[in-house]
Amino acid sequence: MLVQYKYYELIINAEQHWNRITKFNPETEKIKELYIEQKFRDIMVNDRWLEITDYDSEMYHKALALMDLFNPKKSKNNIDTTAIVAAGSGAVTGALATNSIGGIGVAAGGTAFSVGMLGLATMGTIAGLAVYGMGKALK
């Protein structure tokens, strides 16, 4: 979205950018570079680079919030291993139930279908996660 905004900004300000390109003056650019370098030196010498304004802090936290919202790769610290154990143990319990009991049939309204190992393992996973969720809710 930022790229799209920058693209539109470039289109809207195309004439201004073109004028800057056609009226390029090396002397003016040297003066600008010296001014920026002097400001940088002032900041570094006076330890002002350590100062973080409220605005900087607010923008930093907004950027972190957006990064967390749109980041498809969450950090490894966010993984709750207890949930994985609960889901895995539920799946194993469902598969063992199929192995020891056999398949389950469901009949309703004149039709019937069977639930095999995959279905029971899935239901066991759901049950394991439900128990995990109840445990987290009660804490």
N, C-alpha and C. Protein backbone atom coordinates (compact mmCIF):
# COMPACT_ATOMS: atom_id res chain seq x y z
N MET A 1 0.82 -1.17 0.00
CA MET A 1 0.00 0.00 0.00
C MET A 1 0.87 1.25 0.00
N LEU A 2 1.98 1.20 0.74
CA LEU A 2 2.91 2.31 0.76
C LEU A 2 3.53 2.52 -0.62
N VAL A 3 3.83 1.42 -1.30
CA VAL A 3 4.41 1.52 -2.65
C VAL A 3 3.41 2.17 -3.59
N GLN A 4 2.14 1.79 -3.46
CA GLN A 4 1.11 2.38 -4.32
C GLN A 4 0.99 3.87 -4.03
N TYR A 5 1.03 4.26 -2.77
CA TYR A 5 0.98 5.67 -2.40
C TYR A 5 2.15 6.43 -2.99
N LYS A 6 3.35 5.86 -2.87
CA LYS A 6 4.54 6.53 -3.41
C LYS A 6 4.46 6.64 -4.93
N TYR A 7 3.89 5.61 -5.56
CA TYR A 7 3.74 5.65 -7.02
C TYR A 7 2.81 6.80 -7.41
N TYR A 8 1.68 6.93 -6.72
CA TYR A 8 0.75 8.03 -7.02
C TYR A 8 1.37 9.38 -6.71
N GLU A 9 2.14 9.43 -5.63
CA GLU A 9 2.83 10.68 -5.29
C GLU A 9 3.81 11.06 -6.39
N LEU A 10 4.50 10.09 -6.94
CA LEU A 10 5.43 10.36 -8.03
C LEU A 10 4.70 10.87 -9.27
N ILE A 11 3.55 10.27 -9.57
CA ILE A 11 2.77 10.72 -10.73
C ILE A 11 2.26 12.15 -10.51
N ILE A 12 1.75 12.40 -9.31
CA ILE A 12 1.19 13.73 -9.03
C ILE A 12 2.29 14.80 -9.08
N ASN A 13 3.47 14.48 -8.59
CA ASN A 13 4.56 15.46 -8.54
C ASN A 13 5.56 15.27 -9.69
N ALA A 14 5.14 14.67 -10.77
CA ALA A 14 6.05 14.37 -11.87
C ALA A 14 6.67 15.64 -12.45
N GLU A 15 5.89 16.67 -12.61
CA GLU A 15 6.42 17.91 -13.19
C GLU A 15 7.47 18.53 -12.27
N GLN A 16 7.22 18.50 -10.98
CA GLN A 16 8.19 19.04 -10.03
C GLN A 16 9.49 18.23 -10.07
N HIS A 17 9.38 16.91 -10.14
CA HIS A 17 10.58 16.07 -10.22
C HIS A 17 11.33 16.33 -11.53
N TRP A 18 10.59 16.47 -12.61
CA TRP A 18 11.23 16.73 -13.90
C TRP A 18 11.98 18.06 -13.88
N ASN A 19 11.38 19.06 -13.27
CA ASN A 19 12.06 20.36 -13.17
C ASN A 19 13.33 20.27 -12.33
N ARG A 20 13.31 19.47 -11.28
CA ARG A 20 14.52 19.29 -10.47
C ARG A 20 15.61 18.60 -11.28
N ILE A 21 15.22 17.68 -12.14
CA ILE A 21 16.22 16.97 -12.96
C ILE A 21 16.80 17.89 -14.02
N THR A 22 15.94 18.62 -14.71
CA THR A 22 16.42 19.48 -15.79
C THR A 22 17.20 20.69 -15.29
N LYS A 23 16.89 21.15 -14.07
CA LYS A 23 17.57 22.32 -13.53
C LYS A 23 18.62 21.93 -12.48
N PHE A 24 19.22 20.78 -12.67
CA PHE A 24 20.21 20.29 -11.72
C PHE A 24 21.44 21.19 -11.76
N ASN A 25 21.88 21.61 -10.57
CA ASN A 25 23.05 22.48 -10.46
C ASN A 25 24.00 21.82 -9.45
N PRO A 26 25.18 21.40 -9.91
CA PRO A 26 26.12 20.74 -9.00
C PRO A 26 26.53 21.61 -7.81
N GLU A 27 26.65 22.91 -8.02
CA GLU A 27 27.05 23.81 -6.94
C GLU A 27 25.99 23.83 -5.84
N THR A 28 24.74 23.92 -6.24
CA THR A 28 23.65 23.92 -5.27
C THR A 28 23.62 22.61 -4.50
N GLU A 29 23.85 21.51 -5.20
CA GLU A 29 23.85 20.20 -4.55
C GLU A 29 25.00 20.08 -3.55
N LYS A 30 26.15 20.65 -3.88
CA LYS A 30 27.28 20.63 -2.94
C LYS A 30 26.94 21.41 -1.68
N ILE A 31 26.29 22.54 -1.85
CA ILE A 31 25.89 23.36 -0.70
C ILE A 31 24.90 22.58 0.17
N LYS A 32 23.94 21.91 -0.46
CA LYS A 32 22.97 21.11 0.29
C LYS A 32 23.67 19.97 1.03
N GLU A 33 24.60 19.30 0.37
CA GLU A 33 25.32 18.20 1.01
C GLU A 33 26.13 18.69 2.20
N LEU A 34 26.79 19.84 2.06
CA LEU A 34 27.56 20.40 3.17
C LEU A 34 26.65 20.77 4.35
N TYR A 35 25.48 21.31 4.04
CA TYR A 35 24.52 21.66 5.08
C TYR A 35 24.06 20.41 5.83
N ILE A 36 23.73 19.36 5.10
CA ILE A 36 23.29 18.11 5.72
C ILE A 36 24.42 17.49 6.54
N GLU A 37 25.62 17.51 6.01
CA GLU A 37 26.77 16.97 6.73
C GLU A 37 27.01 17.76 8.02
N GLN A 38 26.89 19.09 7.97
CA GLN A 38 27.08 19.91 9.15
C GLN A 38 26.02 19.61 10.20
N LYS A 39 24.77 19.43 9.78
CA LYS A 39 23.70 19.09 10.72
C LYS A 39 23.98 17.73 11.36
N PHE A 40 24.47 16.80 10.56
CA PHE A 40 24.79 15.46 11.07
C PHE A 40 25.89 15.55 12.11
N ARG A 41 26.92 16.33 11.83
CA ARG A 41 28.03 16.50 12.79
C ARG A 41 27.54 17.14 14.08
N ASP A 42 26.67 18.14 13.96
CA ASP A 42 26.12 18.79 15.16
C ASP A 42 25.36 17.79 16.02
N ILE A 43 24.61 16.96 15.38
CA ILE A 43 23.84 15.96 16.12
C ILE A 43 24.77 14.96 16.79
N MET A 44 25.78 14.48 16.07
CA MET A 44 26.67 13.46 16.61
C MET A 44 27.57 14.01 17.72
N VAL A 45 28.05 15.23 17.58
CA VAL A 45 28.97 15.81 18.56
C VAL A 45 28.22 16.14 19.85
N ASN A 46 27.03 16.63 19.76
CA ASN A 46 26.29 17.07 20.94
C ASN A 46 25.47 15.95 21.58
N ASP A 47 25.66 14.73 21.14
CA ASP A 47 24.92 13.58 21.66
C ASP A 47 23.41 13.74 21.53
N ARG A 48 22.97 14.52 20.59
CA ARG A 48 21.54 14.66 20.37
C ARG A 48 20.97 13.45 19.64
N TRP A 49 21.82 12.61 19.08
CA TRP A 49 21.34 11.43 18.38
C TRP A 49 20.76 10.42 19.37
N LEU A 50 21.06 10.60 20.67
CA LEU A 50 20.51 9.71 21.68
C LEU A 50 19.08 10.09 22.08
N GLU A 51 18.68 11.30 21.79
CA GLU A 51 17.36 11.76 22.17
C GLU A 51 16.29 11.11 21.30
N ILE A 52 15.29 10.57 21.96
CA ILE A 52 14.15 10.00 21.24
C ILE A 52 12.93 10.82 21.63
N THR A 53 12.35 11.46 20.66
CA THR A 53 11.19 12.30 20.94
C THR A 53 9.96 11.42 21.12
N ASP A 54 8.91 12.02 21.64
CA ASP A 54 7.64 11.31 21.80
C ASP A 54 7.09 10.88 20.44
N TYR A 55 7.28 11.75 19.46
CA TYR A 55 6.80 11.43 18.12
C TYR A 55 7.54 10.20 17.57
N ASP A 56 8.86 10.16 17.77
CA ASP A 56 9.64 9.01 17.30
C ASP A 56 9.18 7.73 17.99
N SER A 57 8.95 7.82 19.28
CA SER A 57 8.50 6.65 20.03
C SER A 57 7.13 6.19 19.55
N GLU A 58 6.24 7.13 19.31
CA GLU A 58 4.90 6.78 18.82
C GLU A 58 4.97 6.12 17.45
N MET A 59 5.78 6.67 16.55
CA MET A 59 5.92 6.09 15.22
C MET A 59 6.55 4.70 15.28
N TYR A 60 7.49 4.53 16.18
CA TYR A 60 8.13 3.22 16.35
C TYR A 60 7.12 2.18 16.81
N HIS A 61 6.28 2.54 17.77
CA HIS A 61 5.29 1.59 18.26
C HIS A 61 4.22 1.31 17.21
N LYS A 62 3.86 2.31 16.43
CA LYS A 62 2.91 2.06 15.33
C LYS A 62 3.51 1.11 14.30
N ALA A 63 4.78 1.31 14.00
CA ALA A 63 5.45 0.43 13.03
C ALA A 63 5.52 -1.00 13.57
N LEU A 64 5.81 -1.15 14.85
CA LEU A 64 5.83 -2.49 15.44
C LEU A 64 4.45 -3.14 15.40
N ALA A 65 3.42 -2.37 15.67
CA ALA A 65 2.06 -2.91 15.64
C ALA A 65 1.69 -3.35 14.23
N LEU A 66 2.03 -2.53 13.24
CA LEU A 66 1.75 -2.91 11.85
C LEU A 66 2.57 -4.12 11.43
N MET A 67 3.80 -4.19 11.88
CA MET A 67 4.64 -5.33 11.54
C MET A 67 4.06 -6.61 12.12
N ASP A 68 3.59 -6.54 13.37
CA ASP A 68 2.98 -7.72 13.97
C ASP A 68 1.69 -8.10 13.27
N LEU A 69 0.96 -7.10 12.79
CA LEU A 69 -0.31 -7.37 12.13
C LEU A 69 -0.11 -8.02 10.77
N PHE A 70 0.86 -7.56 10.02
CA PHE A 70 1.03 -8.03 8.64
C PHE A 70 2.17 -9.01 8.46
N ASN A 71 2.89 -9.35 9.51
CA ASN A 71 4.03 -10.25 9.37
C ASN A 71 3.56 -11.69 9.30
N PRO A 72 3.75 -12.37 8.17
CA PRO A 72 3.30 -13.75 8.08
C PRO A 72 4.17 -14.70 8.89
N LYS A 73 5.40 -14.32 9.16
CA LYS A 73 6.31 -15.17 9.92
C LYS A 73 6.43 -14.61 11.32
N LYS A 74 5.66 -15.16 12.23
CA LYS A 74 5.73 -14.73 13.62
C LYS A 74 7.02 -15.26 14.23
N SER A 75 7.46 -14.61 15.27
CA SER A 75 8.69 -15.05 15.91
C SER A 75 8.45 -16.38 16.61
N LYS A 76 9.53 -17.11 16.82
CA LYS A 76 9.41 -18.43 17.43
C LYS A 76 8.97 -18.34 18.88
N ASN A 77 9.10 -17.20 19.51
CA ASN A 77 8.70 -17.06 20.91
C ASN A 77 7.18 -17.09 21.07
N ASN A 78 6.42 -16.83 20.00
CA ASN A 78 4.97 -16.79 20.09
C ASN A 78 4.35 -18.18 20.02
N ILE A 79 5.12 -19.21 19.75
CA ILE A 79 4.57 -20.55 19.61
C ILE A 79 4.35 -21.14 21.00
N ASP A 80 3.12 -21.57 21.27
CA ASP A 80 2.80 -22.19 22.54
C ASP A 80 2.88 -23.70 22.37
N THR A 81 3.89 -24.30 22.94
CA THR A 81 4.10 -25.74 22.77
C THR A 81 3.02 -26.55 23.46
N THR A 82 2.39 -25.99 24.48
CA THR A 82 1.31 -26.70 25.16
C THR A 82 0.14 -26.95 24.22
N ALA A 83 -0.16 -25.99 23.35
CA ALA A 83 -1.24 -26.17 22.37
C ALA A 83 -0.89 -27.28 21.39
N ILE A 84 0.37 -27.33 20.98
CA ILE A 84 0.79 -28.38 20.04
C ILE A 84 0.70 -29.75 20.70
N VAL A 85 1.10 -29.83 21.96
CA VAL A 85 1.01 -31.10 22.70
C VAL A 85 -0.45 -31.52 22.86
N ALA A 86 -1.32 -30.54 23.17
CA ALA A 86 -2.74 -30.86 23.33
C ALA A 86 -3.35 -31.35 22.02
N ALA A 87 -3.04 -30.70 20.93
CA ALA A 87 -3.56 -31.14 19.63
C ALA A 87 -3.00 -32.50 19.25
N GLY A 88 -1.72 -32.70 19.45
CA GLY A 88 -1.10 -33.99 19.11
C GLY A 88 -1.63 -35.13 19.95
N SER A 89 -1.77 -34.90 21.25
CA SER A 89 -2.29 -35.98 22.10
C SER A 89 -3.75 -36.27 21.78
N GLY A 90 -4.53 -35.27 21.43
CA GLY A 90 -5.92 -35.50 21.02
C GLY A 90 -5.99 -36.31 19.73
N ALA A 91 -5.11 -35.99 18.78
CA ALA A 91 -5.09 -36.74 17.52
C ALA A 91 -4.68 -38.19 17.75
N VAL A 92 -3.68 -38.41 18.59
CA VAL A 92 -3.24 -39.77 18.89
C VAL A 92 -4.35 -40.54 19.60
N THR A 93 -5.04 -39.88 20.53
CA THR A 93 -6.14 -40.53 21.24
C THR A 93 -7.26 -40.91 20.27
N GLY A 94 -7.59 -40.02 19.33
CA GLY A 94 -8.61 -40.33 18.33
C GLY A 94 -8.20 -41.49 17.44
N ALA A 95 -6.93 -41.50 17.04
CA ALA A 95 -6.45 -42.60 16.18
C ALA A 95 -6.43 -43.91 16.96
N LEU A 96 -6.03 -43.89 18.23
CA LEU A 96 -6.03 -45.11 19.04
C LEU A 96 -7.45 -45.60 19.29
N ALA A 97 -8.39 -44.67 19.45
CA ALA A 97 -9.79 -45.08 19.62
C ALA A 97 -10.29 -45.81 18.38
N THR A 98 -9.92 -45.33 17.20
CA THR A 98 -10.30 -46.01 15.97
C THR A 98 -9.66 -47.38 15.89
N ASN A 99 -8.42 -47.47 16.33
CA ASN A 99 -7.70 -48.73 16.27
C ASN A 99 -8.29 -49.76 17.23
N SER A 100 -8.70 -49.29 18.42
CA SER A 100 -9.22 -50.25 19.41
C SER A 100 -10.71 -50.53 19.23
N ILE A 101 -11.51 -49.52 18.90
CA ILE A 101 -12.95 -49.69 18.75
C ILE A 101 -13.32 -50.09 17.33
N GLY A 102 -12.68 -49.45 16.40
CA GLY A 102 -13.05 -49.61 14.99
C GLY A 102 -13.71 -48.34 14.52
N GLY A 103 -14.20 -48.36 13.30
CA GLY A 103 -14.84 -47.18 12.73
C GLY A 103 -16.16 -46.89 13.42
N ILE A 104 -16.61 -45.66 13.32
CA ILE A 104 -17.88 -45.25 13.91
C ILE A 104 -18.82 -44.89 12.77
N GLY A 105 -20.07 -45.28 12.91
CA GLY A 105 -21.07 -44.92 11.92
C GLY A 105 -22.01 -43.88 12.48
N VAL A 106 -22.41 -42.96 11.65
CA VAL A 106 -23.35 -41.92 12.05
C VAL A 106 -24.56 -42.05 11.14
N ALA A 107 -25.73 -42.19 11.77
CA ALA A 107 -26.97 -42.31 11.00
C ALA A 107 -27.90 -41.18 11.41
N ALA A 108 -28.45 -40.50 10.41
CA ALA A 108 -29.38 -39.41 10.70
C ALA A 108 -30.28 -39.20 9.50
N GLY A 109 -31.56 -39.11 9.75
CA GLY A 109 -32.52 -38.76 8.70
C GLY A 109 -32.55 -39.73 7.53
N GLY A 110 -32.38 -40.97 7.77
CA GLY A 110 -32.44 -41.96 6.70
C GLY A 110 -31.14 -42.14 5.94
N THR A 111 -30.10 -41.41 6.30
CA THR A 111 -28.79 -41.60 5.67
C THR A 111 -27.78 -41.98 6.73
N ALA A 112 -26.70 -42.58 6.31
CA ALA A 112 -25.65 -42.98 7.25
C ALA A 112 -24.30 -42.83 6.57
N PHE A 113 -23.30 -42.55 7.36
CA PHE A 113 -21.92 -42.50 6.84
C PHE A 113 -20.98 -42.96 7.94
N SER A 114 -19.81 -43.36 7.54
CA SER A 114 -18.85 -43.86 8.52
C SER A 114 -17.78 -42.79 8.79
N VAL A 115 -17.27 -42.85 9.99
CA VAL A 115 -16.18 -41.95 10.38
C VAL A 115 -14.98 -42.84 10.66
N GLY A 116 -13.94 -42.68 9.87
CA GLY A 116 -12.76 -43.52 10.00
C GLY A 116 -11.70 -42.91 10.89
N MET A 117 -10.48 -43.37 10.69
CA MET A 117 -9.37 -42.93 11.53
C MET A 117 -9.10 -41.43 11.36
N LEU A 118 -9.13 -40.92 10.15
CA LEU A 118 -8.86 -39.50 9.93
C LEU A 118 -9.89 -38.63 10.62
N GLY A 119 -11.16 -39.03 10.52
CA GLY A 119 -12.22 -38.26 11.17
C GLY A 119 -12.09 -38.25 12.68
N LEU A 120 -11.79 -39.41 13.26
CA LEU A 120 -11.64 -39.47 14.72
C LEU A 120 -10.38 -38.76 15.18
N ALA A 121 -9.32 -38.84 14.40
CA ALA A 121 -8.10 -38.11 14.77
C ALA A 121 -8.37 -36.61 14.73
N THR A 122 -9.15 -36.16 13.75
CA THR A 122 -9.51 -34.74 13.67
C THR A 122 -10.37 -34.34 14.86
N MET A 123 -11.36 -35.18 15.20
CA MET A 123 -12.19 -34.86 16.36
C MET A 123 -11.36 -34.88 17.65
N GLY A 124 -10.40 -35.78 17.75
CA GLY A 124 -9.51 -35.81 18.91
C GLY A 124 -8.66 -34.55 19.00
N THR A 125 -8.19 -34.07 17.84
CA THR A 125 -7.42 -32.82 17.81
C THR A 125 -8.27 -31.66 18.30
N ILE A 126 -9.51 -31.60 17.82
CA ILE A 126 -10.42 -30.53 18.23
C ILE A 126 -10.70 -30.63 19.73
N ALA A 127 -10.91 -31.84 20.21
CA ALA A 127 -11.18 -32.02 21.64
C ALA A 127 -9.96 -31.62 22.47
N GLY A 128 -8.77 -32.00 22.02
CA GLY A 128 -7.55 -31.63 22.73
C GLY A 128 -7.36 -30.13 22.79
N LEU A 129 -7.63 -29.45 21.69
CA LEU A 129 -7.52 -27.99 21.68
C LEU A 129 -8.60 -27.34 22.52
N ALA A 130 -9.79 -27.98 22.58
CA ALA A 130 -10.85 -27.45 23.44
C ALA A 130 -10.45 -27.54 24.91
N VAL A 131 -9.85 -28.66 25.29
CA VAL A 131 -9.40 -28.81 26.67
C VAL A 131 -8.29 -27.80 26.96
N TYR A 132 -7.39 -27.60 26.02
CA TYR A 132 -6.32 -26.60 26.18
C TYR A 132 -6.91 -25.20 26.35
N GLY A 133 -7.91 -24.87 25.51
CA GLY A 133 -8.55 -23.55 25.60
C GLY A 133 -9.27 -23.35 26.92
N MET A 134 -9.93 -24.41 27.40
CA MET A 134 -10.61 -24.31 28.71
C MET A 134 -9.58 -24.08 29.82
N GLY A 135 -8.45 -24.78 29.72
CA GLY A 135 -7.40 -24.59 30.72
C GLY A 135 -6.86 -23.18 30.71
N LYS A 136 -6.66 -22.60 29.52
CA LYS A 136 -6.15 -21.23 29.41
C LYS A 136 -7.19 -20.24 29.92
N ALA A 137 -8.47 -20.53 29.67
CA ALA A 137 -9.54 -19.62 30.11
C ALA A 137 -9.66 -19.62 31.63
N LEU A 138 -9.42 -20.76 32.25
CA LEU A 138 -9.56 -20.85 33.70
C LEU A 138 -8.37 -20.29 34.46
N LYS A 139 -7.25 -20.06 33.80
CA LYS A 139 -6.07 -19.51 34.47
C LYS A 139 -6.23 -18.06 34.80
